[in-house]
Amino acid sequence: KGGFGGRPQQRGGRQQQQAAAPKDDTPPMNYSEAQLMEIFRKKLAARGARGIMGLGRQFKIADDDGSKSLNVEEFQKACHDFRIGITPEQAAVLFKVFDRDGSGSIDYDEFLRGVRGGMNQFRQDLCMKAFDIMDRDHTGIIDINDIRQRFNAKQHPDVKSGKKTEDEVLCEFLDTFEAHHTDHAGS
């Protein structure tokens, strides 16, 4: 499948050709998958879906049947309803880019990865550096013990005032990850 970062990749080594570009705002059929993805990202951002929560709302709006995933028809309808400005055929091409596992549907994680795109090298390096700092036992997995050793709640206002213990603040911190996952993963 085409990539989300770096050079645009094309299926089959050739871009589709069209004799003349449409006169409206619709991109010509020879747009690469990466160019279609960029159009999609910009139009969605223009609708106010910049943050993760905003993207979650857009996804839920598009999920007409409540299955917590989008089929190609829902995706095409969403592209039309959100005024992305691409044809149903282009939306079908873009759907295949989003559908990373080839299941015929796009779940929220696939949608989020597609819209957010890949990280540049600087951000990847920064994440790896943070991961290495957090992974105290160097197992390649960050578990509760690693986080407990690195998370310092001593200066948290509720700990300083005596309302909560450091462990309570740590648990609340960890719960934010679970709550986010639950909100968008279908639980």
Protein backbone atom coordinates (compact mmCIF):
# COMPACT_ATOMS: atom_id res chain seq x y z
CA LYS A 1 0.00 0.00 0.00
CA GLY A 2 1.04 3.61 -0.44
CA GLY A 3 2.90 5.28 2.40
CA PHE A 4 1.86 8.25 4.46
CA GLY A 5 5.28 9.84 4.77
CA GLY A 6 8.21 10.42 2.49
CA ARG A 7 7.76 10.03 -1.22
CA PRO A 8 4.28 9.32 -2.56
CA GLN A 9 4.00 5.68 -3.57
CA GLN A 10 1.85 4.55 -6.46
CA ARG A 11 0.01 1.29 -6.97
CA GLY A 12 1.28 -0.77 -9.86
CA GLY A 13 4.09 1.66 -10.58
CA ARG A 14 1.90 3.96 -12.69
CA GLN A 15 -0.53 6.70 -11.90
CA GLN A 16 -3.95 6.56 -13.49
CA GLN A 17 -4.33 9.07 -16.29
CA GLN A 18 -7.37 11.13 -17.18
CA ALA A 19 -7.75 13.15 -20.37
CA ALA A 20 -8.84 16.39 -18.74
CA ALA A 21 -9.13 17.55 -15.17
CA PRO A 22 -12.64 18.31 -13.97
CA LYS A 23 -13.60 21.97 -14.03
CA ASP A 24 -14.80 21.94 -10.41
CA ASP A 25 -12.65 21.66 -7.29
CA THR A 26 -12.31 17.85 -7.65
CA PRO A 27 -8.70 16.68 -8.01
CA PRO A 28 -7.82 14.96 -11.29
CA MET A 29 -7.82 11.15 -11.25
CA ASN A 30 -4.05 11.03 -11.65
CA TYR A 31 -3.50 12.31 -8.13
CA SER A 32 -1.36 9.91 -6.14
CA GLU A 33 -2.62 8.32 -2.95
CA ALA A 34 -0.39 10.67 -0.95
CA GLN A 35 -1.89 13.71 -2.68
CA LEU A 36 -5.43 12.45 -2.01
CA MET A 37 -4.49 11.86 1.63
CA GLU A 38 -3.13 15.39 1.92
CA ILE A 39 -6.37 16.82 0.50
CA PHE A 40 -8.36 14.71 2.97
CA ARG A 41 -6.24 15.85 5.93
CA LYS A 42 -6.49 19.53 5.02
CA LYS A 43 -10.25 19.45 4.46
CA LEU A 44 -10.85 17.57 7.70
CA ALA A 45 -8.64 20.03 9.59
CA ALA A 46 -10.62 22.90 8.06
CA ARG A 47 -13.73 21.36 9.66
CA GLY A 48 -12.10 21.74 13.07
CA ALA A 49 -10.94 18.15 13.47
CA ARG A 50 -7.37 18.98 14.43
CA GLY A 51 -7.12 17.19 17.77
CA ILE A 52 -7.62 13.55 18.56
CA MET A 53 -10.99 14.22 20.19
CA GLY A 54 -12.14 16.15 17.12
CA LEU A 55 -11.10 13.27 14.89
CA GLY A 56 -13.05 10.90 17.12
CA ARG A 57 -16.18 13.02 16.67
CA GLN A 58 -15.71 13.04 12.89
CA PHE A 59 -15.29 9.27 12.90
CA LYS A 60 -18.44 8.74 14.97
CA ILE A 61 -20.41 11.03 12.65
CA ALA A 62 -19.28 8.98 9.65
CA ASP A 63 -20.11 5.64 11.30
CA ASP A 64 -23.75 5.51 10.19
CA ASP A 65 -24.41 1.90 11.23
CA GLY A 66 -22.73 2.22 14.65
CA SER A 67 -20.31 -0.65 13.95
CA LYS A 68 -17.32 1.35 15.26
CA SER A 69 -15.75 1.01 11.81
CA LEU A 70 -16.35 2.51 8.38
CA ASN A 71 -17.12 0.48 5.28
CA VAL A 72 -16.34 1.89 1.84
CA GLU A 73 -19.86 3.28 1.40
CA GLU A 74 -19.74 5.12 4.75
CA PHE A 75 -16.30 6.46 3.89
CA GLN A 76 -17.46 7.68 0.46
CA LYS A 77 -20.52 9.30 2.05
CA ALA A 78 -18.33 10.94 4.70
CA CYS A 79 -16.02 12.34 2.00
CA HIS A 80 -19.09 13.82 0.32
CA ASP A 81 -20.75 15.06 3.55
CA PHE A 82 -17.51 16.57 4.85
CA ARG A 83 -17.01 18.28 1.46
CA ILE A 84 -13.58 16.75 0.96
CA GLY A 85 -13.89 17.45 -2.77
CA ILE A 86 -12.93 14.07 -4.22
CA THR A 87 -14.91 11.72 -6.43
CA PRO A 88 -16.40 8.45 -5.13
CA GLU A 89 -13.72 6.62 -7.13
CA GLN A 90 -10.95 8.65 -5.47
CA ALA A 91 -12.60 8.04 -2.08
CA ALA A 92 -12.49 4.28 -2.81
CA VAL A 93 -8.76 4.55 -3.57
CA LEU A 94 -8.22 6.52 -0.37
CA PHE A 95 -10.29 3.97 1.57
CA LYS A 96 -7.78 1.27 0.59
CA VAL A 97 -4.94 3.44 1.91
CA PHE A 98 -6.71 3.82 5.26
CA ASP A 99 -7.64 0.10 5.41
CA ARG A 100 -4.16 -0.98 6.44
CA ASP A 101 -5.13 -4.54 7.38
CA GLY A 102 -7.20 -5.12 4.21
CA SER A 103 -10.30 -6.10 6.21
CA GLY A 104 -12.68 -4.06 4.08
CA SER A 105 -13.40 -1.66 6.91
CA ILE A 106 -11.56 1.16 8.65
CA ASP A 107 -11.48 1.06 12.45
CA TYR A 108 -10.71 4.13 14.52
CA ASP A 109 -7.02 3.27 14.90
CA GLU A 110 -6.59 2.95 11.12
CA PHE A 111 -8.49 6.21 10.64
CA LEU A 112 -6.34 8.00 13.20
CA ARG A 113 -3.07 6.67 11.74
CA GLY A 114 -4.14 7.74 8.27
CA VAL A 115 -5.25 11.23 9.22
CA ARG A 116 -2.39 11.93 11.60
CA GLY A 117 0.21 10.45 9.27
CA GLY A 118 3.67 9.30 10.17
CA MET A 119 6.08 11.09 12.42
CA ASN A 120 9.10 12.82 10.99
CA GLN A 121 12.54 11.55 11.99
CA PHE A 122 13.01 14.17 14.72
CA ARG A 123 9.75 13.15 16.43
CA GLN A 124 10.57 9.44 16.07
CA ASP A 125 13.97 9.99 17.66
CA LEU A 126 12.43 12.04 20.46
CA CYS A 127 9.85 9.30 21.18
CA MET A 128 12.53 6.63 21.23
CA LYS A 129 14.59 8.72 23.63
CA ALA A 130 11.59 9.16 25.93
CA PHE A 131 10.80 5.44 25.67
CA ASP A 132 14.36 4.53 26.59
CA ILE A 133 14.18 6.82 29.62
CA MET A 134 10.89 5.28 30.76
CA ASP A 135 11.98 1.65 30.15
CA ARG A 136 14.01 1.38 33.36
CA ASP A 137 14.53 -2.39 33.16
CA HIS A 138 15.39 -2.29 29.43
CA THR A 139 12.88 -5.01 28.49
CA GLY A 140 11.49 -3.09 25.53
CA ILE A 141 8.14 -2.82 27.32
CA ILE A 142 7.01 -0.01 29.59
CA ASP A 143 5.03 -1.48 32.47
CA ILE A 144 3.55 -0.02 35.65
CA ASN A 145 6.80 -0.53 37.55
CA ASP A 146 8.76 1.46 34.97
CA ILE A 147 6.22 4.28 35.13
CA ARG A 148 6.09 4.22 38.93
CA GLN A 149 9.89 4.69 39.06
CA ARG A 150 9.81 7.65 36.66
CA PHE A 151 6.50 9.36 37.43
CA ASN A 152 6.97 11.96 40.17
CA ALA A 153 3.74 13.23 41.69
CA LYS A 154 5.36 14.99 44.67
CA GLN A 155 4.72 18.44 43.18
CA HIS A 156 1.14 17.68 42.10
CA PRO A 157 -1.20 20.22 43.82
CA ASP A 158 -3.45 17.49 45.29
CA VAL A 159 -0.44 15.65 46.77
CA LYS A 160 1.00 18.87 48.18
CA SER A 161 -2.35 19.77 49.76
CA GLY A 162 -2.79 16.27 51.21
CA LYS A 163 -5.97 15.51 49.22
CA LYS A 164 -4.39 12.58 47.40
CA THR A 165 -1.43 10.27 47.70
CA GLU A 166 1.23 9.96 45.04
CA ASP A 167 -0.17 6.53 44.11
CA GLU A 168 -3.66 7.96 43.64
CA VAL A 169 -2.31 10.62 41.28
CA LEU A 170 -0.31 7.96 39.41
CA CYS A 171 -3.45 5.82 38.99
CA GLU A 172 -5.41 8.83 37.71
CA PHE A 173 -2.61 9.52 35.24
CA LEU A 174 -2.71 5.92 34.00
CA ASP A 175 -6.52 5.98 33.82
CA THR A 176 -6.39 8.80 31.26
CA PHE A 177 -4.81 6.39 28.78
CA GLU A 178 -7.43 3.73 29.44
CA ALA A 179 -10.29 6.24 29.17
CA HIS A 180 -8.99 7.50 25.83
CA HIS A 181 -8.61 3.98 24.50
CA THR A 182 -12.10 3.03 25.70
CA ASP A 183 -13.69 6.15 24.16
CA HIS A 184 -12.41 5.26 20.71
CA ALA A 185 -11.82 1.53 20.61
CA GLY A 186 -15.43 0.53 20.97
CA SER A 187 -15.78 -0.39 24.64
